[in-house]
Amino acid sequence: YGISKQLGTRHRASLGMSENSDAIVLVVSEETGVISIARDGVLKRNYT
């Protein structure tokens, strides 16, 4: 419930997948085009 309200369903799904597995999840935002990576339940943004 601590996820920012600015993040949409894709980001919440990427976090959920990383919380339940060791997968690396890549997300491209439809609103901003920002590239994010979710790993081990942690989401980091603004990758190139």
ModelCIF file with pLDDT and N, C-alpha, C, O atoms, coordinates in Angstrom:
data_MODEL
#
_entry.id   MODEL 
#
_entity.id                         1 
_entity.type                       polymer 
_entity.pdbx_number_of_molecules   1 
#
_entity_poly.entity_id                      1 
_entity_poly.type                           'polypeptide(L)' 
_entity_poly.nstd_linkage                   no 
_entity_poly.nstd_monomer                   no 
_entity_poly.pdbx_seq_one_letter_code       YGISKQLGTRHRASLGMSENSDAIVLVVSEETGVISIARDGVLKRNYT 
_entity_poly.pdbx_seq_one_letter_code_can   YGISKQLGTRHRASLGMSENSDAIVLVVSEETGVISIARDGVLKRNYT 
_entity_poly.pdbx_strand_id                 A 
#
loop_
_entity_poly_seq.entity_id 
_entity_poly_seq.num 
_entity_poly_seq.mon_id 
_entity_poly_seq.hetero 
1 1  TYR n 
1 2  GLY n 
1 3  ILE n 
1 4  SER n 
1 5  LYS n 
1 6  GLN n 
1 7  LEU n 
1 8  GLY n 
1 9  THR n 
1 10 ARG n 
1 11 HIS n 
1 12 ARG n 
1 13 ALA n 
1 14 SER n 
1 15 LEU n 
1 16 GLY n 
1 17 MET n 
1 18 SER n 
1 19 GLU n 
1 20 ASN n 
1 21 SER n 
1 22 ASP n 
1 23 ALA n 
1 24 ILE n 
1 25 VAL n 
1 26 LEU n 
1 27 VAL n 
1 28 VAL n 
1 29 SER n 
1 30 GLU n 
1 31 GLU n 
1 32 THR n 
1 33 GLY n 
1 34 VAL n 
1 35 ILE n 
1 36 SER n 
1 37 ILE n 
1 38 ALA n 
1 39 ARG n 
1 40 ASP n 
1 41 GLY n 
1 42 VAL n 
1 43 LEU n 
1 44 LYS n 
1 45 ARG n 
1 46 ASN n 
1 47 TYR n 
1 48 THR n 
#
_struct_asym.id          A 
_struct_asym.entity_id   1 
#
loop_
_ma_qa_metric.id 
_ma_qa_metric.mode 
_ma_qa_metric.name 
_ma_qa_metric.software_group_id 
_ma_qa_metric.type 
1 global pLDDT . pLDDT 
2 local  pLDDT . pLDDT 
#
_ma_qa_metric_global.metric_id      1 
_ma_qa_metric_global.metric_value   88.35 
_ma_qa_metric_global.model_id       1 
_ma_qa_metric_global.ordinal_id     1 
#
loop_
_ma_qa_metric_local.label_asym_id 
_ma_qa_metric_local.label_comp_id 
_ma_qa_metric_local.label_seq_id 
_ma_qa_metric_local.metric_id 
_ma_qa_metric_local.metric_value 
_ma_qa_metric_local.model_id 
_ma_qa_metric_local.ordinal_id 
A TYR 1  2 68.00 1 1  
A GLY 2  2 70.00 1 2  
A ILE 3  2 75.00 1 3  
A SER 4  2 75.00 1 4  
A LYS 5  2 74.00 1 5  
A GLN 6  2 74.00 1 6  
A LEU 7  2 80.00 1 7  
A GLY 8  2 85.00 1 8  
A THR 9  2 88.00 1 9  
A ARG 10 2 90.00 1 10 
A HIS 11 2 91.00 1 11 
A ARG 12 2 91.00 1 12 
A ALA 13 2 92.00 1 13 
A SER 14 2 92.00 1 14 
A LEU 15 2 90.00 1 15 
A GLY 16 2 89.00 1 16 
A MET 17 2 91.00 1 17 
A SER 18 2 90.00 1 18 
A GLU 19 2 85.00 1 19 
A ASN 20 2 83.00 1 20 
A SER 21 2 86.00 1 21 
A ASP 22 2 87.00 1 22 
A ALA 23 2 92.00 1 23 
A ILE 24 2 94.00 1 24 
A VAL 25 2 95.00 1 25 
A LEU 26 2 96.00 1 26 
A VAL 27 2 95.00 1 27 
A VAL 28 2 95.00 1 28 
A SER 29 2 93.00 1 29 
A GLU 30 2 91.00 1 30 
A GLU 31 2 90.00 1 31 
A THR 32 2 91.00 1 32 
A GLY 33 2 92.00 1 33 
A VAL 34 2 93.00 1 34 
A ILE 35 2 95.00 1 35 
A SER 36 2 94.00 1 36 
A ILE 37 2 95.00 1 37 
A ALA 38 2 93.00 1 38 
A ARG 39 2 91.00 1 39 
A ASP 40 2 86.00 1 40 
A GLY 41 2 85.00 1 41 
A VAL 42 2 88.00 1 42 
A LEU 43 2 90.00 1 43 
A LYS 44 2 91.00 1 44 
A ARG 45 2 91.00 1 45 
A ASN 46 2 91.00 1 46 
A TYR 47 2 94.00 1 47 
A THR 48 2 94.00 1 48 
#
loop_
_atom_site.group_PDB 
_atom_site.id 
_atom_site.type_symbol 
_atom_site.label_atom_id 
_atom_site.label_alt_id 
_atom_site.label_comp_id 
_atom_site.label_asym_id 
_atom_site.label_entity_id 
_atom_site.label_seq_id 
_atom_site.pdbx_PDB_ins_code 
_atom_site.Cartn_x 
_atom_site.Cartn_y 
_atom_site.Cartn_z 
_atom_site.occupancy 
_atom_site.B_iso_or_equiv 
_atom_site.pdbx_formal_charge 
_atom_site.auth_seq_id 
_atom_site.auth_comp_id 
_atom_site.auth_asym_id 
_atom_site.auth_atom_id 
_atom_site.pdbx_PDB_model_num 
ATOM 1   N N  . TYR A 1 1  ? 0.810  -1.215  0.000   1.00 68.00 ? 1  TYR A N  1 
ATOM 2   C CA . TYR A 1 1  ? 0.000  0.000   0.000   1.00 68.00 ? 1  TYR A CA 1 
ATOM 3   C C  . TYR A 1 1  ? 0.846  1.268   0.000   1.00 68.00 ? 1  TYR A C  1 
ATOM 4   O O  . TYR A 1 1  ? 0.312  2.376   -0.056  1.00 68.00 ? 1  TYR A O  1 
ATOM 5   N N  . GLY A 1 2  ? 2.171  1.102   0.063   1.00 70.00 ? 2  GLY A N  1 
ATOM 6   C CA . GLY A 1 2  ? 3.047  2.266   0.036   1.00 70.00 ? 2  GLY A CA 1 
ATOM 7   C C  . GLY A 1 2  ? 3.426  2.711   -1.363  1.00 70.00 ? 2  GLY A C  1 
ATOM 8   O O  . GLY A 1 2  ? 4.207  3.650   -1.519  1.00 70.00 ? 2  GLY A O  1 
ATOM 9   N N  . ILE A 1 3  ? 2.883  2.050   -2.397  1.00 75.00 ? 3  ILE A N  1 
ATOM 10  C CA . ILE A 1 3  ? 3.204  2.411   -3.776  1.00 75.00 ? 3  ILE A CA 1 
ATOM 11  C C  . ILE A 1 3  ? 2.604  3.779   -4.102  1.00 75.00 ? 3  ILE A C  1 
ATOM 12  O O  . ILE A 1 3  ? 1.473  4.085   -3.724  1.00 75.00 ? 3  ILE A O  1 
ATOM 13  N N  . SER A 1 4  ? 3.391  4.596   -4.816  1.00 75.00 ? 4  SER A N  1 
ATOM 14  C CA . SER A 1 4  ? 2.930  5.929   -5.192  1.00 75.00 ? 4  SER A CA 1 
ATOM 15  C C  . SER A 1 4  ? 1.645  5.861   -6.008  1.00 75.00 ? 4  SER A C  1 
ATOM 16  O O  . SER A 1 4  ? 1.477  4.972   -6.841  1.00 75.00 ? 4  SER A O  1 
ATOM 17  N N  . LYS A 1 5  ? 0.745  6.801   -5.764  1.00 74.00 ? 5  LYS A N  1 
ATOM 18  C CA . LYS A 1 5  ? -0.517 6.859   -6.495  1.00 74.00 ? 5  LYS A CA 1 
ATOM 19  C C  . LYS A 1 5  ? -0.297 7.188   -7.969  1.00 74.00 ? 5  LYS A C  1 
ATOM 20  O O  . LYS A 1 5  ? -1.177 6.959   -8.799  1.00 74.00 ? 5  LYS A O  1 
ATOM 21  N N  . GLN A 1 6  ? 0.881  7.727   -8.293  1.00 74.00 ? 6  GLN A N  1 
ATOM 22  C CA . GLN A 1 6  ? 1.177  8.097   -9.673  1.00 74.00 ? 6  GLN A CA 1 
ATOM 23  C C  . GLN A 1 6  ? 1.476  6.881   -10.545 1.00 74.00 ? 6  GLN A C  1 
ATOM 24  O O  . GLN A 1 6  ? 1.431  6.973   -11.772 1.00 74.00 ? 6  GLN A O  1 
ATOM 25  N N  . LEU A 1 7  ? 1.781  5.740   -9.921  1.00 80.00 ? 7  LEU A N  1 
ATOM 26  C CA . LEU A 1 7  ? 2.118  4.540   -10.672 1.00 80.00 ? 7  LEU A CA 1 
ATOM 27  C C  . LEU A 1 7  ? 0.847  3.762   -11.004 1.00 80.00 ? 7  LEU A C  1 
ATOM 28  O O  . LEU A 1 7  ? -0.046 3.615   -10.170 1.00 80.00 ? 7  LEU A O  1 
ATOM 29  N N  . GLY A 1 8  ? 0.788  3.269   -12.241 1.00 85.00 ? 8  GLY A N  1 
ATOM 30  C CA . GLY A 1 8  ? -0.408 2.589   -12.699 1.00 85.00 ? 8  GLY A CA 1 
ATOM 31  C C  . GLY A 1 8  ? -0.379 1.086   -12.501 1.00 85.00 ? 8  GLY A C  1 
ATOM 32  O O  . GLY A 1 8  ? 0.423  0.556   -11.732 1.00 85.00 ? 8  GLY A O  1 
ATOM 33  N N  . THR A 1 9  ? -1.273 0.412   -13.215 1.00 88.00 ? 9  THR A N  1 
ATOM 34  C CA . THR A 1 9  ? -1.424 -1.035  -13.061 1.00 88.00 ? 9  THR A CA 1 
ATOM 35  C C  . THR A 1 9  ? -0.181 -1.790  -13.491 1.00 88.00 ? 9  THR A C  1 
ATOM 36  O O  . THR A 1 9  ? 0.182  -2.785  -12.864 1.00 88.00 ? 9  THR A O  1 
ATOM 37  N N  . ARG A 1 10 ? 0.483  -1.335  -14.554 1.00 90.00 ? 10 ARG A N  1 
ATOM 38  C CA . ARG A 1 10 ? 1.692  -2.030  -15.010 1.00 90.00 ? 10 ARG A CA 1 
ATOM 39  C C  . ARG A 1 10 ? 2.760  -2.059  -13.931 1.00 90.00 ? 10 ARG A C  1 
ATOM 40  O O  . ARG A 1 10 ? 3.390  -3.090  -13.698 1.00 90.00 ? 10 ARG A O  1 
ATOM 41  N N  . HIS A 1 11 ? 2.960  -0.929  -13.275 1.00 91.00 ? 11 HIS A N  1 
ATOM 42  C CA . HIS A 1 11 ? 3.989  -0.870  -12.233 1.00 91.00 ? 11 HIS A CA 1 
ATOM 43  C C  . HIS A 1 11 ? 3.598  -1.728  -11.023 1.00 91.00 ? 11 HIS A C  1 
ATOM 44  O O  . HIS A 1 11 ? 4.444  -2.391  -10.423 1.00 91.00 ? 11 HIS A O  1 
ATOM 45  N N  . ARG A 1 12 ? 2.318  -1.707  -10.676 1.00 91.00 ? 12 ARG A N  1 
ATOM 46  C CA . ARG A 1 12 ? 1.866  -2.529  -9.552  1.00 91.00 ? 12 ARG A CA 1 
ATOM 47  C C  . ARG A 1 12 ? 1.991  -4.015  -9.891  1.00 91.00 ? 12 ARG A C  1 
ATOM 48  O O  . ARG A 1 12 ? 2.310  -4.828  -9.023  1.00 91.00 ? 12 ARG A O  1 
ATOM 49  N N  . ALA A 1 13 ? 1.740  -4.366  -11.151 1.00 92.00 ? 13 ALA A N  1 
ATOM 50  C CA . ALA A 1 13 ? 1.888  -5.754  -11.583 1.00 92.00 ? 13 ALA A CA 1 
ATOM 51  C C  . ALA A 1 13 ? 3.360  -6.166  -11.602 1.00 92.00 ? 13 ALA A C  1 
ATOM 52  O O  . ALA A 1 13 ? 3.693  -7.297  -11.247 1.00 92.00 ? 13 ALA A O  1 
ATOM 53  N N  . SER A 1 14 ? 4.236  -5.258  -12.012 1.00 92.00 ? 14 SER A N  1 
ATOM 54  C CA . SER A 1 14 ? 5.669  -5.579  -12.021 1.00 92.00 ? 14 SER A CA 1 
ATOM 55  C C  . SER A 1 14 ? 6.183  -5.827  -10.610 1.00 92.00 ? 14 SER A C  1 
ATOM 56  O O  . SER A 1 14 ? 6.991  -6.730  -10.390 1.00 92.00 ? 14 SER A O  1 
ATOM 57  N N  . LEU A 1 15 ? 5.719  -5.033  -9.657  1.00 90.00 ? 15 LEU A N  1 
ATOM 58  C CA . LEU A 1 15 ? 6.109  -5.237  -8.260  1.00 90.00 ? 15 LEU A CA 1 
ATOM 59  C C  . LEU A 1 15 ? 5.569  -6.559  -7.726  1.00 90.00 ? 15 LEU A C  1 
ATOM 60  O O  . LEU A 1 15 ? 6.272  -7.297  -7.036  1.00 90.00 ? 15 LEU A O  1 
ATOM 61  N N  . GLY A 1 16 ? 4.304  -6.848  -8.057  1.00 89.00 ? 16 GLY A N  1 
ATOM 62  C CA . GLY A 1 16 ? 3.706  -8.106  -7.605  1.00 89.00 ? 16 GLY A CA 1 
ATOM 63  C C  . GLY A 1 16 ? 4.462  -9.307  -8.132  1.00 89.00 ? 16 GLY A C  1 
ATOM 64  O O  . GLY A 1 16 ? 4.665  -10.281 -7.407  1.00 89.00 ? 16 GLY A O  1 
ATOM 65  N N  . MET A 1 17 ? 4.887  -9.250  -9.399  1.00 91.00 ? 17 MET A N  1 
ATOM 66  C CA . MET A 1 17 ? 5.642  -10.359 -9.985  1.00 91.00 ? 17 MET A CA 1 
ATOM 67  C C  . MET A 1 17 ? 7.010  -10.506 -9.318  1.00 91.00 ? 17 MET A C  1 
ATOM 68  O O  . MET A 1 17 ? 7.466  -11.621 -9.065  1.00 91.00 ? 17 MET A O  1 
ATOM 69  N N  . SER A 1 18 ? 7.658  -9.381  -9.038  1.00 90.00 ? 18 SER A N  1 
ATOM 70  C CA . SER A 1 18 ? 8.981  -9.438  -8.415  1.00 90.00 ? 18 SER A CA 1 
ATOM 71  C C  . SER A 1 18 ? 8.908  -9.864  -6.953  1.00 90.00 ? 18 SER A C  1 
ATOM 72  O O  . SER A 1 18 ? 9.879  -10.392 -6.410  1.00 90.00 ? 18 SER A O  1 
ATOM 73  N N  . GLU A 1 19 ? 7.757  -9.635  -6.310  1.00 85.00 ? 19 GLU A N  1 
ATOM 74  C CA . GLU A 1 19 ? 7.581  -10.070 -4.922  1.00 85.00 ? 19 GLU A CA 1 
ATOM 75  C C  . GLU A 1 19 ? 7.369  -11.580 -4.824  1.00 85.00 ? 19 GLU A C  1 
ATOM 76  O O  . GLU A 1 19 ? 7.697  -12.194 -3.809  1.00 85.00 ? 19 GLU A O  1 
ATOM 77  N N  . ASN A 1 20 ? 6.817  -12.174 -5.887  1.00 83.00 ? 20 ASN A N  1 
ATOM 78  C CA . ASN A 1 20 ? 6.491  -13.593 -5.863  1.00 83.00 ? 20 ASN A CA 1 
ATOM 79  C C  . ASN A 1 20 ? 7.484  -14.462 -6.628  1.00 83.00 ? 20 ASN A C  1 
ATOM 80  O O  . ASN A 1 20 ? 7.277  -15.671 -6.734  1.00 83.00 ? 20 ASN A O  1 
ATOM 81  N N  . SER A 1 21 ? 8.550  -13.882 -7.162  1.00 86.00 ? 21 SER A N  1 
ATOM 82  C CA . SER A 1 21 ? 9.539  -14.654 -7.907  1.00 86.00 ? 21 SER A CA 1 
ATOM 83  C C  . SER A 1 21 ? 10.849 -13.881 -7.943  1.00 86.00 ? 21 SER A C  1 
ATOM 84  O O  . SER A 1 21 ? 10.938 -12.763 -7.435  1.00 86.00 ? 21 SER A O  1 
ATOM 85  N N  . ASP A 1 22 ? 11.868 -14.490 -8.553  1.00 87.00 ? 22 ASP A N  1 
ATOM 86  C CA . ASP A 1 22 ? 13.154 -13.807 -8.708  1.00 87.00 ? 22 ASP A CA 1 
ATOM 87  C C  . ASP A 1 22 ? 13.287 -13.189 -10.098 1.00 87.00 ? 22 ASP A C  1 
ATOM 88  O O  . ASP A 1 22 ? 14.395 -12.880 -10.535 1.00 87.00 ? 22 ASP A O  1 
ATOM 89  N N  . ALA A 1 23 ? 12.169 -13.009 -10.790 1.00 92.00 ? 23 ALA A N  1 
ATOM 90  C CA . ALA A 1 23 ? 12.185 -12.463 -12.147 1.00 92.00 ? 23 ALA A CA 1 
ATOM 91  C C  . ALA A 1 23 ? 12.629 -11.005 -12.144 1.00 92.00 ? 23 ALA A C  1 
ATOM 92  O O  . ALA A 1 23 ? 12.477 -10.285 -11.157 1.00 92.00 ? 23 ALA A O  1 
ATOM 93  N N  . ILE A 1 24 ? 13.186 -10.593 -13.292 1.00 94.00 ? 24 ILE A N  1 
ATOM 94  C CA . ILE A 1 24 ? 13.486 -9.182  -13.541 1.00 94.00 ? 24 ILE A CA 1 
ATOM 95  C C  . ILE A 1 24 ? 12.375 -8.648  -14.444 1.00 94.00 ? 24 ILE A C  1 
ATOM 96  O O  . ILE A 1 24 ? 12.139 -9.191  -15.524 1.00 94.00 ? 24 ILE A O  1 
ATOM 97  N N  . VAL A 1 25 ? 11.700 -7.598  -14.013 1.00 95.00 ? 25 VAL A N  1 
ATOM 98  C CA . VAL A 1 25 ? 10.534 -7.093  -14.734 1.00 95.00 ? 25 VAL A CA 1 
ATOM 99  C C  . VAL A 1 25 ? 10.816 -5.682  -15.244 1.00 95.00 ? 25 VAL A C  1 
ATOM 100 O O  . VAL A 1 25 ? 11.130 -4.778  -14.470 1.00 95.00 ? 25 VAL A O  1 
ATOM 101 N N  . LEU A 1 26 ? 10.697 -5.513  -16.560 1.00 96.00 ? 26 LEU A N  1 
ATOM 102 C CA . LEU A 1 26 ? 10.905 -4.207  -17.195 1.00 96.00 ? 26 LEU A CA 1 
ATOM 103 C C  . LEU A 1 26 ? 9.554  -3.567  -17.485 1.00 96.00 ? 26 LEU A C  1 
ATOM 104 O O  . LEU A 1 26 ? 8.628  -4.233  -17.947 1.00 96.00 ? 26 LEU A O  1 
ATOM 105 N N  . VAL A 1 27 ? 9.449  -2.280  -17.212 1.00 95.00 ? 27 VAL A N  1 
ATOM 106 C CA . VAL A 1 27 ? 8.195  -1.546  -17.435 1.00 95.00 ? 27 VAL A CA 1 
ATOM 107 C C  . VAL A 1 27 ? 8.494  -0.266  -18.198 1.00 95.00 ? 27 VAL A C  1 
ATOM 108 O O  . VAL A 1 27 ? 9.429  0.463   -17.863 1.00 95.00 ? 27 VAL A O  1 
ATOM 109 N N  . VAL A 1 28 ? 7.697  0.004   -19.222 1.00 95.00 ? 28 VAL A N  1 
ATOM 110 C CA . VAL A 1 28 ? 7.739  1.293   -19.914 1.00 95.00 ? 28 VAL A CA 1 
ATOM 111 C C  . VAL A 1 28 ? 6.400  1.974   -19.668 1.00 95.00 ? 28 VAL A C  1 
ATOM 112 O O  . VAL A 1 28 ? 5.348  1.428   -20.001 1.00 95.00 ? 28 VAL A O  1 
ATOM 113 N N  . SER A 1 29 ? 6.442  3.160   -19.086 1.00 93.00 ? 29 SER A N  1 
ATOM 114 C CA . SER A 1 29 ? 5.217  3.875   -18.739 1.00 93.00 ? 29 SER A CA 1 
ATOM 115 C C  . SER A 1 29 ? 4.525  4.403   -19.984 1.00 93.00 ? 29 SER A C  1 
ATOM 116 O O  . SER A 1 29 ? 5.165  4.965   -20.873 1.00 93.00 ? 29 SER A O  1 
ATOM 117 N N  . GLU A 1 30 ? 3.215  4.218   -20.036 1.00 91.00 ? 30 GLU A N  1 
ATOM 118 C CA . GLU A 1 30 ? 2.418  4.711   -21.164 1.00 91.00 ? 30 GLU A CA 1 
ATOM 119 C C  . GLU A 1 30 ? 2.187  6.203   -21.061 1.00 91.00 ? 30 GLU A C  1 
ATOM 120 O O  . GLU A 1 30 ? 1.938  6.859   -22.073 1.00 91.00 ? 30 GLU A O  1 
ATOM 121 N N  . GLU A 1 31 ? 2.265  6.762   -19.842 1.00 90.00 ? 31 GLU A N  1 
ATOM 122 C CA . GLU A 1 31 ? 2.032  8.191   -19.640 1.00 90.00 ? 31 GLU A CA 1 
ATOM 123 C C  . GLU A 1 31 ? 3.288  9.021   -19.839 1.00 90.00 ? 31 GLU A C  1 
ATOM 124 O O  . GLU A 1 31 ? 3.231  10.102  -20.426 1.00 90.00 ? 31 GLU A O  1 
ATOM 125 N N  . THR A 1 32 ? 4.436  8.523   -19.353 1.00 91.00 ? 32 THR A N  1 
ATOM 126 C CA . THR A 1 32 ? 5.661  9.323   -19.372 1.00 91.00 ? 32 THR A CA 1 
ATOM 127 C C  . THR A 1 32 ? 6.767  8.744   -20.241 1.00 91.00 ? 32 THR A C  1 
ATOM 128 O O  . THR A 1 32 ? 7.697  9.461   -20.611 1.00 91.00 ? 32 THR A O  1 
ATOM 129 N N  . GLY A 1 33 ? 6.684  7.453   -20.576 1.00 92.00 ? 33 GLY A N  1 
ATOM 130 C CA . GLY A 1 33 ? 7.746  6.808   -21.332 1.00 92.00 ? 33 GLY A CA 1 
ATOM 131 C C  . GLY A 1 33 ? 8.946  6.419   -20.480 1.00 92.00 ? 33 GLY A C  1 
ATOM 132 O O  . GLY A 1 33 ? 9.961  5.964   -21.008 1.00 92.00 ? 33 GLY A O  1 
ATOM 133 N N  . VAL A 1 34 ? 8.838  6.594   -19.164 1.00 93.00 ? 34 VAL A N  1 
ATOM 134 C CA . VAL A 1 34 ? 9.941  6.269   -18.257 1.00 93.00 ? 34 VAL A CA 1 
ATOM 135 C C  . VAL A 1 34 ? 10.132 4.757   -18.172 1.00 93.00 ? 34 VAL A C  1 
ATOM 136 O O  . VAL A 1 34 ? 9.160  4.006   -18.088 1.00 93.00 ? 34 VAL A O  1 
ATOM 137 N N  . ILE A 1 35 ? 11.388 4.317   -18.196 1.00 95.00 ? 35 ILE A N  1 
ATOM 138 C CA . ILE A 1 35 ? 11.720 2.893   -18.095 1.00 95.00 ? 35 ILE A CA 1 
ATOM 139 C C  . ILE A 1 35 ? 12.014 2.563   -16.635 1.00 95.00 ? 35 ILE A C  1 
ATOM 140 O O  . ILE A 1 35 ? 12.817 3.236   -15.990 1.00 95.00 ? 35 ILE A O  1 
ATOM 141 N N  . SER A 1 36 ? 11.361 1.525   -16.118 1.00 94.00 ? 36 SER A N  1 
ATOM 142 C CA . SER A 1 36 ? 11.552 1.102   -14.733 1.00 94.00 ? 36 SER A CA 1 
ATOM 143 C C  . SER A 1 36 ? 11.875 -0.383  -14.692 1.00 94.00 ? 36 SER A C  1 
ATOM 144 O O  . SER A 1 36 ? 11.555 -1.131  -15.616 1.00 94.00 ? 36 SER A O  1 
ATOM 145 N N  . ILE A 1 37 ? 12.519 -0.799  -13.593 1.00 95.00 ? 37 ILE A N  1 
ATOM 146 C CA . ILE A 1 37 ? 12.847 -2.213  -13.373 1.00 95.00 ? 37 ILE A CA 1 
ATOM 147 C C  . ILE A 1 37 ? 12.426 -2.602  -11.957 1.00 95.00 ? 37 ILE A C  1 
ATOM 148 O O  . ILE A 1 37 ? 12.749 -1.914  -10.988 1.00 95.00 ? 37 ILE A O  1 
ATOM 149 N N  . ALA A 1 38 ? 11.699 -3.718  -11.855 1.00 93.00 ? 38 ALA A N  1 
ATOM 150 C CA . ALA A 1 38 ? 11.292 -4.255  -10.554 1.00 93.00 ? 38 ALA A CA 1 
ATOM 151 C C  . ALA A 1 38 ? 12.066 -5.538  -10.289 1.00 93.00 ? 38 ALA A C  1 
ATOM 152 O O  . ALA A 1 38 ? 12.108 -6.438  -11.127 1.00 93.00 ? 38 ALA A O  1 
ATOM 153 N N  . ARG A 1 39 ? 12.682 -5.609  -9.105  1.00 91.00 ? 39 ARG A N  1 
ATOM 154 C CA . ARG A 1 39 ? 13.439 -6.794  -8.691  1.00 91.00 ? 39 ARG A CA 1 
ATOM 155 C C  . ARG A 1 39 ? 13.294 -6.973  -7.193  1.00 91.00 ? 39 ARG A C  1 
ATOM 156 O O  . ARG A 1 39 ? 13.439 -6.021  -6.426  1.00 91.00 ? 39 ARG A O  1 
ATOM 157 N N  . ASP A 1 40 ? 13.007 -8.206  -6.779  1.00 86.00 ? 40 ASP A N  1 
ATOM 158 C CA . ASP A 1 40 ? 12.937 -8.527  -5.343  1.00 86.00 ? 40 ASP A CA 1 
ATOM 159 C C  . ASP A 1 40 ? 12.010 -7.578  -4.584  1.00 86.00 ? 40 ASP A C  1 
ATOM 160 O O  . ASP A 1 40 ? 12.305 -7.187  -3.454  1.00 86.00 ? 40 ASP A O  1 
ATOM 161 N N  . GLY A 1 41 ? 10.894 -7.211  -5.206  1.00 85.00 ? 41 GLY A N  1 
ATOM 162 C CA . GLY A 1 41 ? 9.917  -6.357  -4.536  1.00 85.00 ? 41 GLY A CA 1 
ATOM 163 C C  . GLY A 1 41 ? 10.291 -4.898  -4.467  1.00 85.00 ? 41 GLY A C  1 
ATOM 164 O O  . GLY A 1 41 ? 9.669  -4.139  -3.723  1.00 85.00 ? 41 GLY A O  1 
ATOM 165 N N  . VAL A 1 42 ? 11.304 -4.477  -5.233  1.00 88.00 ? 42 VAL A N  1 
ATOM 166 C CA . VAL A 1 42 ? 11.738 -3.072  -5.240  1.00 88.00 ? 42 VAL A CA 1 
ATOM 167 C C  . VAL A 1 42 ? 11.663 -2.549  -6.672  1.00 88.00 ? 42 VAL A C  1 
ATOM 168 O O  . VAL A 1 42 ? 12.148 -3.198  -7.599  1.00 88.00 ? 42 VAL A O  1 
ATOM 169 N N  . LEU A 1 43 ? 11.054 -1.377  -6.852  1.00 90.00 ? 43 LEU A N  1 
ATOM 170 C CA . LEU A 1 43 ? 10.916 -0.764  -8.166  1.00 90.00 ? 43 LEU A CA 1 
ATOM 171 C C  . LEU A 1 43 ? 11.836 0.451   -8.258  1.00 90.00 ? 43 LEU A C  1 
ATOM 172 O O  . LEU A 1 43 ? 11.778 1.352   -7.421  1.00 90.00 ? 43 LEU A O  1 
ATOM 173 N N  . LYS A 1 44 ? 12.687 0.463   -9.291  1.00 91.00 ? 44 LYS A N  1 
ATOM 174 C CA . LYS A 1 44 ? 13.571 1.596   -9.544  1.00 91.00 ? 44 LYS A CA 1 
ATOM 175 C C  . LYS A 1 44 ? 13.245 2.164   -10.916 1.00 91.00 ? 44 LYS A C  1 
ATOM 176 O O  . LYS A 1 44 ? 13.034 1.419   -11.873 1.00 91.00 ? 44 LYS A O  1 
ATOM 177 N N  . ARG A 1 45 ? 13.205 3.484   -11.003 1.00 91.00 ? 45 ARG A N  1 
ATOM 178 C CA . ARG A 1 45 ? 12.752 4.152   -12.223 1.00 91.00 ? 45 ARG A CA 1 
ATOM 179 C C  . ARG A 1 45 ? 13.889 4.915   -12.905 1.00 91.00 ? 45 ARG A C  1 
ATOM 180 O O  . ARG A 1 45 ? 15.010 5.005   -12.403 1.00 91.00 ? 45 ARG A O  1 
ATOM 181 N N  . ASN A 1 46 ? 13.538 5.466   -14.089 1.00 91.00 ? 46 ASN A N  1 
ATOM 182 C CA . ASN A 1 46 ? 14.429 6.330   -14.857 1.00 91.00 ? 46 ASN A CA 1 
ATOM 183 C C  . ASN A 1 46 ? 15.700 5.631   -15.322 1.00 91.00 ? 46 ASN A C  1 
ATOM 184 O O  . ASN A 1 46 ? 16.796 6.178   -15.199 1.00 91.00 ? 46 ASN A O  1 
ATOM 185 N N  . TYR A 1 47 ? 15.553 4.437   -15.849 1.00 94.00 ? 47 TYR A N  1 
ATOM 186 C CA . TYR A 1 47 ? 16.676 3.746   -16.472 1.00 94.00 ? 47 TYR A CA 1 
ATOM 187 C C  . TYR A 1 47 ? 16.791 4.187   -17.935 1.00 94.00 ? 47 TYR A C  1 
ATOM 188 O O  . TYR A 1 47 ? 15.819 4.629   -18.547 1.00 94.00 ? 47 TYR A O  1 
ATOM 189 N N  . THR A 1 48 ? 17.986 4.055   -18.465 1.00 94.00 ? 48 THR A N  1 
ATOM 190 C CA . THR A 1 48 ? 18.211 4.243   -19.894 1.00 94.00 ? 48 THR A CA 1 
ATOM 191 C C  . THR A 1 48 ? 18.421 2.864   -20.510 1.00 94.00 ? 48 THR A C  1 
ATOM 192 O O  . THR A 1 48 ? 18.633 2.752   -21.718 1.00 94.00 ? 48 THR A O  1 
#
